[in-house]
C-alpha atoms as a PDB file:
ATOM      1  CA  MET A   1     217.937   3.572 -56.346  1.00  0.00           C
ATOM      2  CA  SER A   2     218.547   3.340 -52.736  1.00  0.00           C
ATOM      3  CA  THR A   3     216.343   3.617 -50.156  1.00  0.00           C
ATOM      4  CA  ILE A   4     216.252   5.149 -46.450  1.00  0.00           C
ATOM      5  CA  PRO A   5     215.032   3.673 -44.236  1.00  0.00           C
ATOM      6  CA  GLY A   6     210.773   5.414 -43.214  1.00  0.00           C
ATOM      7  CA  PRO A   7     210.473   6.538 -39.493  1.00  0.00           C
ATOM      8  CA  ARG A   8     207.467   5.993 -37.921  1.00  0.00           C
ATOM      9  CA  THR A   9     206.140   9.106 -37.241  1.00  0.00           C
ATOM     10  CA  ARG A  10     204.916  11.825 -39.794  1.00  0.00           C
ATOM     11  CA  GLU A  11     207.160  14.543 -37.940  1.00  0.00           C
ATOM     12  CA  GLU A  12     209.984  12.268 -37.694  1.00  0.00           C
ATOM     13  CA  ALA A  13     209.000  11.837 -41.627  1.00  0.00           C
ATOM     14  CA  VAL A  14     209.328  15.207 -42.204  1.00  0.00           C
ATOM     15  CA  ALA A  15     213.023  15.672 -44.708  1.00  0.00           C
ATOM     16  CA  PRO A  16     214.636  18.805 -44.090  1.00  0.00           C
ATOM     17  CA  GLU A  17     214.038  19.673 -46.890  1.00  0.00           C
ATOM     18  CA  GLU A  18     210.106  19.616 -46.696  1.00  0.00           C
ATOM     19  CA  ARG A  19     210.396  21.410 -43.457  1.00  0.00           C
ATOM     20  CA  ARG A  20     212.291  24.558 -45.654  1.00  0.00           C
ATOM     21  CA  ALA A  21     209.785  24.402 -48.151  1.00  0.00           C
ATOM     22  CA  ASN A  22     206.854  24.901 -45.922  1.00  0.00           C
ATOM     23  CA  ALA A  23     208.307  27.242 -44.171  1.00  0.00           C
ATOM     24  CA  VAL A  24     206.458  30.073 -45.160  1.00  0.00           C
ATOM     25  CA  ALA A  25     202.753  30.436 -43.790  1.00  0.00           C
ATOM     26  CA  PRO A  26     200.878  27.911 -46.230  1.00  0.00           C
ATOM     27  CA  LYS A  27     197.805  29.569 -48.526  1.00  0.00           C
ATOM     28  CA  LEU A  28     196.053  26.040 -48.173  1.00  0.00           C
ATOM     29  CA  ARG A  29     196.745  23.640 -45.244  1.00  0.00           C
ATOM     30  CA  ALA A  30     195.024  20.154 -44.730  1.00  0.00           C
ATOM     31  CA  LEU A  31     195.031  18.984 -40.863  1.00  0.00           C
ATOM     32  CA  ASN A  32     194.711  15.206 -40.465  1.00  0.00           C
ATOM     33  CA  VAL A  33     191.501  15.042 -42.747  1.00  0.00           C
ATOM     34  CA  ASP A  34     189.511  11.797 -43.180  1.00  0.00           C
ATOM     35  CA  PHE A  35     186.688  11.152 -45.958  1.00  0.00           C
ATOM     36  CA  PHE A  36     184.167   8.925 -46.008  1.00  0.00           C
ATOM     37  CA  TYR A  37     181.736   7.810 -48.814  1.00  0.00           C
ATOM     38  CA  ASN A  38     179.081   6.348 -46.959  1.00  0.00           C
ATOM     39  CA  LYS A  39     181.095   3.836 -44.339  1.00  0.00           C
ATOM     40  CA  PHE A  40     183.982   3.974 -46.833  1.00  0.00           C
ATOM     41  CA  GLN A  41     187.116   5.569 -45.665  1.00  0.00           C
ATOM     42  CA  ALA A  42     188.794   6.928 -48.853  1.00  0.00           C
ATOM     43  CA  LEU A  43     191.521   8.889 -47.512  1.00  0.00           C
ATOM     44  CA  HIS A  44     193.227   8.380 -44.113  1.00  0.00           C
ATOM     45  CA  LYS A  45     194.492  11.214 -41.907  1.00  0.00           C
ATOM     46  CA  ILE A  46     195.805  13.094 -44.615  1.00  0.00           C
ATOM     47  CA  SER A  47     197.945  17.029 -43.044  1.00  0.00           C
ATOM     48  CA  LEU A  48     199.351  18.473 -46.403  1.00  0.00           C
ATOM     49  CA  ASP A  49     200.528  22.597 -46.414  1.00  0.00           C
ATOM     50  CA  PHE A  50     200.054  24.175 -49.919  1.00  0.00           C
ATOM     51  CA  PRO A  51     202.581  27.201 -50.212  1.00  0.00           C
ATOM     52  CA  GLU A  52     201.525  29.655 -51.965  1.00  0.00           C
ATOM     53  CA  HIS A  53     202.348  30.761 -55.894  1.00  0.00           C
ATOM     54  CA  GLN A  54     203.924  27.004 -56.142  1.00  0.00           C
ATOM     55  CA  ILE A  55     202.684  24.222 -58.203  1.00  0.00           C
ATOM     56  CA  THR A  56     201.830  21.019 -56.118  1.00  0.00           C
ATOM     57  CA  ALA A  57     201.396  17.800 -57.977  1.00  0.00           C
ATOM     58  CA  LEU A  58     199.341  14.732 -56.192  1.00  0.00           C
ATOM     59  CA  ILE A  59     200.476  11.324 -57.571  1.00  0.00           C
ATOM     60  CA  GLY A  60     199.399   7.992 -57.125  1.00  0.00           C
ATOM     61  CA  PRO A  61     197.606   4.736 -58.680  1.00  0.00           C
ATOM     62  CA  SER A  62     194.068   4.947 -60.090  1.00  0.00           C
ATOM     63  CA  GLY A  63     191.391   4.860 -56.502  1.00  0.00           C
ATOM     64  CA  CYS A  64     194.779   5.812 -54.101  1.00  0.00           C
ATOM     65  CA  GLY A  65     192.654   9.006 -52.913  1.00  0.00           C
ATOM     66  CA  LYS A  66     193.882  11.975 -54.698  1.00  0.00           C
ATOM     67  CA  SER A  67     190.993  13.042 -56.845  1.00  0.00           C
ATOM     68  CA  THR A  68     189.117  12.616 -53.684  1.00  0.00           C
ATOM     69  CA  PHE A  69     190.997  14.671 -51.312  1.00  0.00           C
ATOM     70  CA  LEU A  70     191.407  17.369 -54.488  1.00  0.00           C
ATOM     71  CA  ARG A  71     187.475  18.134 -54.244  1.00  0.00           C
ATOM     72  CA  THR A  72     187.572  18.404 -50.342  1.00  0.00           C
ATOM     73  CA  LEU A  73     189.908  21.568 -50.469  1.00  0.00           C
ATOM     74  CA  ASN A  74     186.591  23.662 -52.061  1.00  0.00           C
ATOM     75  CA  ARG A  75     183.940  21.502 -50.683  1.00  0.00           C
ATOM     76  CA  ILE A  76     182.831  20.252 -54.361  1.00  0.00           C
ATOM     77  CA  ASN A  77     182.244  16.832 -52.159  1.00  0.00           C
ATOM     78  CA  ASP A  78     179.050  18.221 -50.518  1.00  0.00           C
ATOM     79  CA  THR A  79     177.085  17.800 -53.716  1.00  0.00           C
ATOM     80  CA  ILE A  80     177.814  13.604 -52.995  1.00  0.00           C
ATOM     81  CA  ARG A  81     175.235  11.875 -50.896  1.00  0.00           C
ATOM     82  CA  GLY A  82     176.076  10.188 -47.898  1.00  0.00           C
ATOM     83  CA  ALA A  83     179.868  12.030 -47.877  1.00  0.00           C
ATOM     84  CA  ARG A  84     181.379  13.393 -45.013  1.00  0.00           C
ATOM     85  CA  MET A  85     185.051  14.727 -43.921  1.00  0.00           C
ATOM     86  CA  THR A  86     186.749  15.285 -40.397  1.00  0.00           C
ATOM     87  CA  GLY A  87     189.478  17.411 -40.274  1.00  0.00           C
ATOM     88  CA  GLU A  88     190.504  20.670 -40.630  1.00  0.00           C
ATOM     89  CA  VAL A  89     191.148  22.619 -44.163  1.00  0.00           C
ATOM     90  CA  LEU A  90     192.109  26.428 -43.536  1.00  0.00           C
ATOM     91  CA  LEU A  91     192.565  28.749 -46.355  1.00  0.00           C
ATOM     92  CA  ASP A  92     194.881  31.603 -45.264  1.00  0.00           C
ATOM     93  CA  GLY A  93     193.962  30.443 -41.640  1.00  0.00           C
ATOM     94  CA  GLU A  94     190.632  30.204 -41.973  1.00  0.00           C
ATOM     95  CA  ASN A  95     188.131  26.871 -41.678  1.00  0.00           C
ATOM     96  CA  ILE A  96     186.453  26.455 -45.471  1.00  0.00           C
ATOM     97  CA  THR A  97     183.476  24.514 -43.605  1.00  0.00           C
ATOM     98  CA  GLN A  98     182.378  27.682 -42.156  1.00  0.00           C
ATOM     99  CA  ALA A  99     183.040  29.918 -45.190  1.00  0.00           C
ATOM    100  CA  ASP A 100     180.110  30.771 -47.527  1.00  0.00           C
ATOM    101  CA  VAL A 101     180.625  27.961 -50.258  1.00  0.00           C
ATOM    102  CA  THR A 102     179.994  30.370 -53.052  1.00  0.00           C
ATOM    103  CA  ASP A 103     182.736  32.654 -52.186  1.00  0.00           C
ATOM    104  CA  LEU A 104     185.124  29.825 -51.848  1.00  0.00           C
ATOM    105  CA  ARG A 105     184.232  28.217 -55.139  1.00  0.00           C
ATOM    106  CA  ARG A 106     185.796  31.537 -56.343  1.00  0.00           C
ATOM    107  CA  ARG A 107     188.389  31.814 -54.331  1.00  0.00           C
ATOM    108  CA  VAL A 108     189.556  27.815 -54.989  1.00  0.00           C
ATOM    109  CA  GLY A 109     189.056  27.213 -58.497  1.00  0.00           C
ATOM    110  CA  MET A 110     188.790  24.140 -59.992  1.00  0.00           C
ATOM    111  CA  VAL A 111     189.343  22.555 -63.524  1.00  0.00           C
ATOM    112  CA  PHE A 112     188.125  19.003 -63.916  1.00  0.00           C
ATOM    113  CA  GLN A 113     189.773  16.116 -66.138  1.00  0.00           C
ATOM    114  CA  ARG A 114     187.218  16.359 -69.375  1.00  0.00           C
ATOM    115  CA  PRO A 115     186.873  19.871 -70.802  1.00  0.00           C
ATOM    116  CA  ASN A 116     183.705  20.912 -69.810  1.00  0.00           C
ATOM    117  CA  PRO A 117     182.461  24.429 -71.753  1.00  0.00           C
ATOM    118  CA  PHE A 118     178.504  25.455 -71.118  1.00  0.00           C
ATOM    119  CA  PRO A 119     176.910  25.493 -74.361  1.00  0.00           C
ATOM    120  CA  LYS A 120     177.439  29.140 -74.901  1.00  0.00           C
ATOM    121  CA  SER A 121     179.744  31.299 -77.237  1.00  0.00           C
ATOM    122  CA  ILE A 122     183.576  31.573 -76.313  1.00  0.00           C
ATOM    123  CA  PHE A 123     182.850  34.955 -74.860  1.00  0.00           C
ATOM    124  CA  ASP A 124     179.930  34.125 -72.334  1.00  0.00           C
ATOM    125  CA  ASN A 125     181.870  30.834 -71.001  1.00  0.00           C
ATOM    126  CA  ILE A 126     184.391  33.464 -69.414  1.00  0.00           C
ATOM    127  CA  ALA A 127     182.160  36.018 -69.221  1.00  0.00           C
ATOM    128  CA  TYR A 128     179.776  33.846 -66.806  1.00  0.00           C
ATOM    129  CA  GLY A 129     181.608  33.739 -63.691  1.00  0.00           C
ATOM    130  CA  VAL A 130     182.499  37.645 -63.489  1.00  0.00           C
ATOM    131  CA  ARG A 131     178.783  38.115 -64.331  1.00  0.00           C
ATOM    132  CA  ILE A 132     176.956  35.818 -61.532  1.00  0.00           C
ATOM    133  CA  ASN A 133     179.788  37.273 -59.148  1.00  0.00           C
ATOM    134  CA  GLY A 134     179.426  40.968 -60.309  1.00  0.00           C
ATOM    135  CA  LEU A 135     183.059  41.135 -60.279  1.00  0.00           C
ATOM    136  CA  ALA A 136     182.973  43.617 -62.846  1.00  0.00           C
ATOM    137  CA  ARG A 137     180.540  46.637 -64.464  1.00  0.00           C
ATOM    138  CA  ARG A 138     179.353  45.496 -68.243  1.00  0.00           C
ATOM    139  CA  SER A 139     181.560  48.254 -70.013  1.00  0.00           C
ATOM    140  CA  GLU A 140     184.672  45.958 -68.468  1.00  0.00           C
ATOM    141  CA  ILE A 141     183.622  42.358 -69.247  1.00  0.00           C
ATOM    142  CA  ALA A 142     185.284  42.379 -72.547  1.00  0.00           C
ATOM    143  CA  ASP A 143     188.921  43.556 -70.906  1.00  0.00           C
ATOM    144  CA  VAL A 144     188.103  41.115 -68.143  1.00  0.00           C
ATOM    145  CA  VAL A 145     187.695  38.081 -71.166  1.00  0.00           C
ATOM    146  CA  GLU A 146     190.828  38.937 -73.294  1.00  0.00           C
ATOM    147  CA  ARG A 147     192.660  39.714 -70.225  1.00  0.00           C
ATOM    148  CA  SER A 148     191.790  35.965 -69.074  1.00  0.00           C
ATOM    149  CA  LEU A 149     192.107  34.401 -72.923  1.00  0.00           C
ATOM    150  CA  ARG A 150     195.385  36.262 -72.787  1.00  0.00           C
ATOM    151  CA  ARG A 151     196.462  34.924 -69.644  1.00  0.00           C
ATOM    152  CA  ALA A 152     195.051  31.297 -70.916  1.00  0.00           C
ATOM    153  CA  ALA A 153     197.421  31.579 -73.799  1.00  0.00           C
ATOM    154  CA  LEU A 154     194.059  31.337 -76.550  1.00  0.00           C
ATOM    155  CA  TRP A 155     193.300  34.781 -76.838  1.00  0.00           C
ATOM    156  CA  ASP A 156     195.188  35.050 -80.717  1.00  0.00           C
ATOM    157  CA  GLU A 157     193.838  31.389 -81.555  1.00  0.00           C
ATOM    158  CA  VAL A 158     190.242  32.564 -80.903  1.00  0.00           C
ATOM    159  CA  LYS A 159     190.036  36.473 -81.278  1.00  0.00           C
ATOM    160  CA  ASP A 160     188.360  36.278 -84.072  1.00  0.00           C
ATOM    161  CA  LYS A 161     185.523  33.878 -83.372  1.00  0.00           C
ATOM    162  CA  LEU A 162     184.720  35.280 -79.571  1.00  0.00           C
ATOM    163  CA  GLN A 163     180.666  34.605 -80.780  1.00  0.00           C
ATOM    164  CA  ARG A 164     180.831  31.004 -81.820  1.00  0.00           C
ATOM    165  CA  SER A 165     179.923  28.320 -79.545  1.00  0.00           C
ATOM    166  CA  ALA A 166     182.722  27.042 -77.474  1.00  0.00           C
ATOM    167  CA  TYR A 167     181.882  23.521 -78.459  1.00  0.00           C
ATOM    168  CA  ALA A 168     183.557  24.356 -81.758  1.00  0.00           C
ATOM    169  CA  LEU A 169     186.952  24.207 -80.482  1.00  0.00           C
ATOM    170  CA  SER A 170     189.291  21.391 -80.079  1.00  0.00           C
ATOM    171  CA  GLY A 171     189.607  19.133 -77.406  1.00  0.00           C
ATOM    172  CA  GLY A 172     193.060  21.054 -76.112  1.00  0.00           C
ATOM    173  CA  GLN A 173     191.317  24.723 -76.790  1.00  0.00           C
ATOM    174  CA  GLN A 174     188.547  23.651 -74.758  1.00  0.00           C
ATOM    175  CA  GLN A 175     190.192  22.815 -71.483  1.00  0.00           C
ATOM    176  CA  ARG A 176     192.404  25.757 -71.953  1.00  0.00           C
ATOM    177  CA  LEU A 177     189.111  28.035 -72.178  1.00  0.00           C
ATOM    178  CA  CYS A 178     187.983  26.158 -68.783  1.00  0.00           C
ATOM    179  CA  ILE A 179     191.301  27.445 -67.307  1.00  0.00           C
ATOM    180  CA  ALA A 180     190.539  31.072 -68.512  1.00  0.00           C
ATOM    181  CA  ARG A 181     187.007  30.758 -67.019  1.00  0.00           C
ATOM    182  CA  ALA A 182     188.411  30.285 -64.019  1.00  0.00           C
ATOM    183  CA  LEU A 183     191.119  32.540 -64.352  1.00  0.00           C
ATOM    184  CA  ALA A 184     188.778  35.247 -65.121  1.00  0.00           C
ATOM    185  CA  VAL A 185     186.900  35.653 -61.198  1.00  0.00           C
ATOM    186  CA  ASP A 186     190.917  35.413 -60.077  1.00  0.00           C
ATOM    187  CA  PRO A 187     191.449  32.580 -57.947  1.00  0.00           C
ATOM    188  CA  GLU A 188     193.939  32.028 -55.272  1.00  0.00           C
ATOM    189  CA  VAL A 189     193.635  29.071 -55.568  1.00  0.00           C
ATOM    190  CA  LEU A 190     193.233  26.761 -58.722  1.00  0.00           C
ATOM    191  CA  LEU A 191     192.851  22.834 -58.613  1.00  0.00           C
ATOM    192  CA  LEU A 192     193.309  20.896 -61.552  1.00  0.00           C
ATOM    193  CA  ASP A 193     191.897  17.482 -61.613  1.00  0.00           C
ATOM    194  CA  GLU A 194     193.798  15.340 -64.305  1.00  0.00           C
ATOM    195  CA  PRO A 195     193.714  18.283 -66.656  1.00  0.00           C
ATOM    196  CA  CYS A 196     195.557  16.718 -69.590  1.00  0.00           C
ATOM    197  CA  SER A 197     194.794  13.108 -69.591  1.00  0.00           C
ATOM    198  CA  ALA A 198     192.509  13.474 -73.057  1.00  0.00           C
ATOM    199  CA  LEU A 199     194.747  15.637 -74.533  1.00  0.00           C
ATOM    200  CA  ASP A 200     197.409  14.866 -77.097  1.00  0.00           C
ATOM    201  CA  PRO A 201     201.075  15.375 -76.227  1.00  0.00           C
ATOM    202  CA  ILE A 202     200.824  18.907 -78.170  1.00  0.00           C
ATOM    203  CA  ALA A 203     197.812  20.158 -76.145  1.00  0.00           C
ATOM    204  CA  THR A 204     199.556  18.928 -72.939  1.00  0.00           C
ATOM    205  CA  GLY A 205     202.482  20.956 -73.477  1.00  0.00           C
ATOM    206  CA  LYS A 206     200.263  24.340 -74.265  1.00  0.00           C
ATOM    207  CA  ILE A 207     198.382  23.128 -70.831  1.00  0.00           C
ATOM    208  CA  GLU A 208     201.855  22.680 -68.857  1.00  0.00           C
ATOM    209  CA  GLU A 209     203.073  25.792 -70.418  1.00  0.00           C
ATOM    210  CA  LEU A 210     200.264  27.733 -69.275  1.00  0.00           C
ATOM    211  CA  LEU A 211     200.628  26.364 -65.792  1.00  0.00           C
ATOM    212  CA  LEU A 212     203.864  27.588 -65.700  1.00  0.00           C
ATOM    213  CA  SER A 213     203.194  31.024 -66.424  1.00  0.00           C
ATOM    214  CA  ILE A 214     200.492  31.630 -64.190  1.00  0.00           C
ATOM    215  CA  ARG A 215     201.882  30.348 -61.057  1.00  0.00           C
ATOM    216  CA  ASP A 216     203.187  33.959 -60.239  1.00  0.00           C
ATOM    217  CA  GLN A 217     199.579  34.707 -59.631  1.00  0.00           C
ATOM    218  CA  THR A 218     197.858  31.585 -58.285  1.00  0.00           C
ATOM    219  CA  THR A 219     198.301  28.744 -56.208  1.00  0.00           C
ATOM    220  CA  LEU A 220     198.634  25.537 -58.046  1.00  0.00           C
ATOM    221  CA  ILE A 221     197.849  22.377 -57.218  1.00  0.00           C
ATOM    222  CA  ILE A 222     197.373  19.357 -60.225  1.00  0.00           C
ATOM    223  CA  VAL A 223     196.117  15.346 -59.932  1.00  0.00           C
ATOM    224  CA  THR A 224     197.989  13.667 -62.174  1.00  0.00           C
ATOM    225  CA  HIS A 225     199.143  10.012 -63.211  1.00  0.00           C
ATOM    226  CA  ASN A 226     201.516  11.487 -65.647  1.00  0.00           C
ATOM    227  CA  MET A 227     204.428  11.607 -63.154  1.00  0.00           C
ATOM    228  CA  GLN A 228     206.845  13.013 -66.243  1.00  0.00           C
ATOM    229  CA  GLN A 229     204.392  15.847 -66.163  1.00  0.00           C
ATOM    230  CA  ALA A 230     204.840  16.036 -62.389  1.00  0.00           C
ATOM    231  CA  ALA A 231     208.409  16.206 -62.709  1.00  0.00           C
ATOM    232  CA  ARG A 232     208.318  19.060 -65.229  1.00  0.00           C
ATOM    233  CA  VAL A 233     205.919  21.263 -63.869  1.00  0.00           C
ATOM    234  CA  ALA A 234     205.510  20.574 -60.069  1.00  0.00           C
ATOM    235  CA  ASP A 235     207.380  22.659 -57.100  1.00  0.00           C
ATOM    236  CA  LEU A 236     206.223  20.011 -54.690  1.00  0.00           C
ATOM    237  CA  THR A 237     204.918  16.752 -54.917  1.00  0.00           C
ATOM    238  CA  GLY A 238     202.548  14.270 -52.565  1.00  0.00           C
ATOM    239  CA  PHE A 239     202.417  10.577 -52.991  1.00  0.00           C
ATOM    240  CA  PHE A 240     199.333   9.178 -52.128  1.00  0.00           C
ATOM    241  CA  LEU A 241     198.822   5.342 -51.597  1.00  0.00           C
ATOM    242  CA  LEU A 242     195.226   3.834 -50.318  1.00  0.00           C
ATOM    243  CA  GLY A 243     194.061   6.535 -49.069  1.00  0.00           C
ATOM    244  CA  ARG A 244     196.645   7.942 -47.692  1.00  0.00           C
ATOM    245  CA  LEU A 245     199.252  10.428 -47.865  1.00  0.00           C
ATOM    246  CA  ILE A 246     203.004   8.284 -48.160  1.00  0.00           C
ATOM    247  CA  GLU A 247     205.558  11.324 -48.938  1.00  0.00           C
ATOM    248  CA  PHE A 248     205.718  14.676 -49.364  1.00  0.00           C
ATOM    249  CA  ASN A 249     208.398  16.747 -50.629  1.00  0.00           C
ATOM    250  CA  LYS A 250     210.503  18.873 -53.366  1.00  0.00           C
ATOM    251  CA  THR A 251     209.395  17.135 -56.563  1.00  0.00           C
ATOM    252  CA  ASP A 252     212.995  16.729 -57.336  1.00  0.00           C
ATOM    253  CA  VAL A 253     213.664  14.664 -54.314  1.00  0.00           C
ATOM    254  CA  ILE A 254     210.413  12.697 -54.563  1.00  0.00           C
ATOM    255  CA  PHE A 255     211.704  11.279 -57.668  1.00  0.00           C
ATOM    256  CA  LYS A 256     215.564  11.288 -57.064  1.00  0.00           C
ATOM    257  CA  THR A 257     215.786   9.841 -53.683  1.00  0.00           C
ATOM    258  CA  PRO A 258     212.677   9.179 -52.018  1.00  0.00           C
ATOM    259  CA  ALA A 259     212.321   8.646 -48.310  1.00  0.00           C
ATOM    260  CA  LYS A 260     209.760   5.684 -48.426  1.00  0.00           C
ATOM    261  CA  LYS A 261     209.810   2.114 -50.230  1.00  0.00           C
ATOM    262  CA  GLU A 262     206.140   2.464 -51.494  1.00  0.00           C
ATOM    263  CA  THR A 263     207.425   5.819 -53.313  1.00  0.00           C
ATOM    264  CA  GLU A 264     210.490   4.851 -55.469  1.00  0.00           C
ATOM    265  CA  ASP A 265     208.752   1.211 -56.496  1.00  0.00           C
ATOM    266  CA  TYR A 266     205.575   3.190 -57.938  1.00  0.00           C
ATOM    267  CA  ILE A 267     208.315   5.757 -59.719  1.00  0.00           C
ATOM    268  CA  THR A 268     210.522   2.876 -61.100  1.00  0.00           C
ATOM    269  CA  GLY A 269     206.847   0.952 -62.366  1.00  0.00           C
ATOM    270  CA  ARG A 270     207.300  -1.721 -59.863  1.00  0.00           C
ATOM    271  CA  PHE A 271     203.788  -1.224 -59.534  1.00  0.00           C
ATOM    272  CA  GLY A 272     200.298   1.357 -60.189  1.00  0.00           C
END
C-alpha cells in the first residue's frame, strides 16, 4: 500500500473528501480540545466535526485517548477529580460547558462498554429516563417503552416478560436494552464506548444492524478496537494515537488510502 507524504498543518491535511464530508454544519464539533488528568495530558488539540445522521468511528490502540475524548462530548469526565478540559465542544453551535448537564446528557446519550442495566424490570429500565425527565404522561409510557424496544430490535424477544428483571437477559440483550433505554429519551447524539467488546459475533452483528437502522434518527459516535466493525458501520473514521487525532476522513479512504503512515501501520497490523 502506497502512502502520501503527510502535510505539516491540520488545514493542509484536510483532504478534499473530508471537506465535502464536513460541508454541512456539524451536529457536534470539538475545537482544540486538550484534556488533563491532573498533570497528565491525555488529549492534544483535538478538532473534529460530527455530521448529523452519520456514524463516526474512533479507532486506535489502547490508551490513545479515544474513550477519554468520547466522554468529553457529554461531560461524563466532569465526575473525575482532577480532570479538566480546555478548548470547546459545541452542540448545534452552543458550548456544552454552558449547558445544563442533565439536559445535555439527555440530548447526548451514552452507552458503555459493558451492559449496565438498572436493578429493575425490563419495563422500568426503559421508562426510567422518560419518567425523571417528564417526557411523557403516565398513560403514554407503555407506548414509549414499546417504541424504544422496537427501535433497539428487542421487542419481539421481551414483549412477554417486561416485568422480569433486566438481569435475566443475555449479555447481548442487556446491551440492546441499554441502547433502548438511551433511545427512549430521543437523544440527538448517541455515544457508544466499545459497545460490542464483551459480546459474541451473533450479538455483535445485531448491535451493528441496530446502529445502521437508527442512523436516520440520531447522530452516532462509536469507539471501537474492531477495525472490521468500523469498516462495516461507519461513514467517517478518525484514527487516534498518543492522545492526538492523526487522521480523519471517510471510512473507505481511511482503510484503503490513508494519508498518514501511522494510520497505515495501524490498519495493516504493524503496531497496536
